Protein backbone atom coordinates (compact mmCIF):
# COMPACT_ATOMS: atom_id res chain seq x y z
CA MET A 1 147.26 92.38 110.57
CA ASP A 2 146.33 91.86 114.26
CA GLY A 3 147.52 94.57 116.57
CA TYR A 4 148.54 98.19 116.41
CA THR A 5 151.69 99.32 114.65
CA VAL A 6 154.25 101.42 116.46
CA GLY A 7 153.14 104.47 114.48
CA GLU A 8 149.50 103.93 115.41
CA VAL A 9 150.36 103.52 119.07
CA ALA A 10 152.56 106.61 118.99
CA ARG A 11 149.68 108.65 117.57
CA LEU A 12 147.15 107.20 120.02
CA ALA A 13 149.32 107.78 123.07
CA HIS A 14 150.84 111.09 121.94
CA VAL A 15 154.37 109.77 122.34
CA SER A 16 157.13 109.42 119.81
CA VAL A 17 158.00 106.24 117.96
CA ARG A 18 161.46 106.63 119.43
CA THR A 19 159.95 106.53 122.95
CA LEU A 20 158.17 103.26 122.14
CA HIS A 21 161.37 101.80 120.69
CA HIS A 22 163.20 102.84 123.87
CA TYR A 23 160.54 101.26 126.10
CA ASP A 24 160.88 98.08 124.07
CA GLY A 25 164.68 98.22 124.27
CA ILE A 26 164.69 98.44 128.07
CA GLY A 27 161.95 95.83 128.44
CA LEU A 28 159.38 98.24 129.87
CA LEU A 29 156.87 97.74 127.06
CA THR A 30 157.55 94.87 124.73
CA PRO A 31 155.03 94.45 121.91
CA SER A 32 153.15 91.18 121.98
CA ALA A 33 153.81 90.33 118.36
CA ARG A 34 155.76 91.10 115.23
CA SER A 35 154.46 91.31 111.70
CA ALA A 36 155.79 89.07 108.94
CA GLY A 37 158.12 91.95 108.09
CA GLY A 38 159.40 92.17 111.67
CA TYR A 39 157.46 95.29 112.66
CA ARG A 40 156.27 95.70 116.23
CA LEU A 41 152.58 94.97 116.83
CA TYR A 42 150.90 96.04 120.05
CA SER A 43 147.88 94.30 121.58
CA GLU A 44 145.13 95.78 123.74
CA SER A 45 146.99 94.56 126.84
CA ASP A 46 150.14 96.31 125.57
CA LEU A 47 148.14 99.53 125.28
CA LEU A 48 146.92 99.08 128.86
CA ARG A 49 150.49 98.67 130.06
CA LEU A 50 151.53 101.75 128.10
CA ARG A 51 148.76 103.75 129.80
CA GLN A 52 150.06 102.59 133.18
CA VAL A 53 153.60 103.59 132.22
CA LEU A 54 152.43 107.01 131.04
CA PHE A 55 150.38 107.60 134.21
CA TYR A 56 153.41 106.82 136.38
CA ARG A 57 155.59 109.05 134.16
CA GLU A 58 153.11 111.90 134.70
CA LEU A 59 153.48 111.25 138.41
CA GLU A 60 157.22 111.80 137.90
CA PHE A 61 158.39 108.24 138.49
CA GLY A 62 161.57 107.17 136.73
CA LEU A 63 161.50 104.36 134.20
CA ASP A 64 163.35 101.99 136.53
CA GLU A 65 160.81 102.67 139.28
CA ILE A 66 157.94 102.12 136.86
CA ALA A 67 159.40 98.82 135.70
CA GLU A 68 159.73 97.71 139.31
CA ILE A 69 156.17 98.77 140.16
CA LEU A 70 154.68 97.03 137.14
CA ALA A 71 156.71 93.88 137.76
CA ASP A 72 154.85 93.26 141.02
CA PRO A 73 152.80 90.12 140.27
CA SER A 74 150.39 90.84 143.12
CA ALA A 75 149.34 94.23 141.69
CA GLY A 76 146.63 94.19 139.06
CA THR A 77 145.19 96.96 136.94
CA ASP A 78 142.74 98.02 139.64
CA ASP A 79 145.57 98.20 142.18
CA HIS A 80 147.57 100.47 139.88
CA LEU A 81 144.56 102.69 139.25
CA ARG A 82 143.88 103.01 142.99
CA ARG A 83 147.53 103.84 143.65
CA GLN A 84 147.64 106.41 140.86
CA HIS A 85 144.39 107.91 142.11
CA ARG A 86 145.80 108.23 145.64
CA LEU A 87 149.04 109.76 144.36
CA LEU A 88 147.14 112.31 142.27
CA ARG A 89 144.88 113.23 145.20
CA ASP A 90 147.98 113.69 147.39
CA ARG A 91 149.57 115.87 144.71
CA ARG A 92 146.40 117.94 144.41
CA ALA A 93 146.31 118.46 148.19
CA ARG A 94 149.96 119.61 148.18
CA ASP A 95 149.30 121.94 145.24
CA GLN A 96 146.24 123.40 146.99
CA ALA A 97 148.24 124.03 150.15
CA LEU A 98 150.99 125.76 148.15
CA LEU A 99 148.42 127.83 146.28
CA ALA A 100 146.79 128.90 149.56
CA ALA A 101 150.17 129.90 151.00
CA ILE A 102 151.01 131.98 147.93
CA GLU A 103 147.59 133.63 147.98
CA ARG A 104 147.97 134.44 151.67
CA GLU A 105 151.37 136.03 151.06
CA MET A 106 150.04 137.97 148.06
CA GLU A 107 147.14 139.27 150.15
CA ALA A 108 149.46 140.20 153.02
CA ARG A 109 151.78 142.08 150.65
CA LYS A 110 148.81 143.86 149.08
CA MET A 111 147.77 145.03 152.56
CA GLY A 112 151.35 146.08 153.38
CA ILE A 113 151.83 143.31 155.91
CA SER A 114 155.08 141.36 156.07
CA LEU A 115 154.75 137.73 157.05
CA THR A 116 157.18 136.49 159.65
CA PRO A 117 159.83 134.04 158.47
CA GLU A 118 157.94 131.33 160.36
CA GLU A 119 154.75 132.15 158.47
CA GLN A 120 156.59 132.26 155.15
CA PHE A 121 158.10 128.83 155.64
CA GLU A 122 155.33 126.98 157.47
CA ILE A 123 154.10 125.45 154.19
CA PHE A 124 157.42 123.62 153.99
CA GLY A 125 157.18 122.52 157.63
CA THR A 126 158.51 119.41 159.20
CA ASP A 127 155.02 118.09 159.97
CA ARG A 128 155.35 115.82 156.92
CA LEU A 129 158.94 114.72 157.55
CA GLU A 130 157.88 111.18 158.49
CA GLU A 131 155.75 110.92 155.34
CA TYR A 132 158.68 112.07 153.17
CA THR A 133 161.01 109.63 154.91
CA GLU A 134 158.64 106.73 154.25
CA GLU A 135 158.21 107.78 150.62
CA ALA A 136 161.98 107.92 150.17
CA LYS A 137 162.33 104.42 151.67
CA GLN A 138 159.66 103.06 149.32
CA ARG A 139 161.15 104.70 146.24
CA TRP A 140 164.83 104.12 146.82
CA GLY A 141 165.07 101.53 149.58
CA ASP A 142 168.67 100.77 150.46
CA THR A 143 170.21 102.41 147.38
CA ASP A 144 172.66 105.30 147.50
CA ALA A 145 169.90 107.61 146.24
């Protein structure tokens, strides 16, 4: 038998068989072959696509968004890796800023100092409003969302 069975892929990727069946059903990850008995068989390129799907899922993209991203014929594996890398670095920077703000407030409270409302909310400032607007346009375009 050439290829990985759905059970093997589920174990490798730490996802459920049901998830793989769902991805197949919506056309997000269609196995390259079927066995003589009609069972799904996944190729190495299918596993690569699954990894891309799972990376984007970890980055909190919806399945429709992922399908759209992966359907771009001009984006290859390296392009996806660079994009995922950038998104993760951006997330890490946001998380670090939030962590610093929480630590500053904890330290202030420990010292008996009350931060002003401006200081408490500066982490959520409008300095990134343009970035959020652009991200929303990229993700949802002209949809109602």
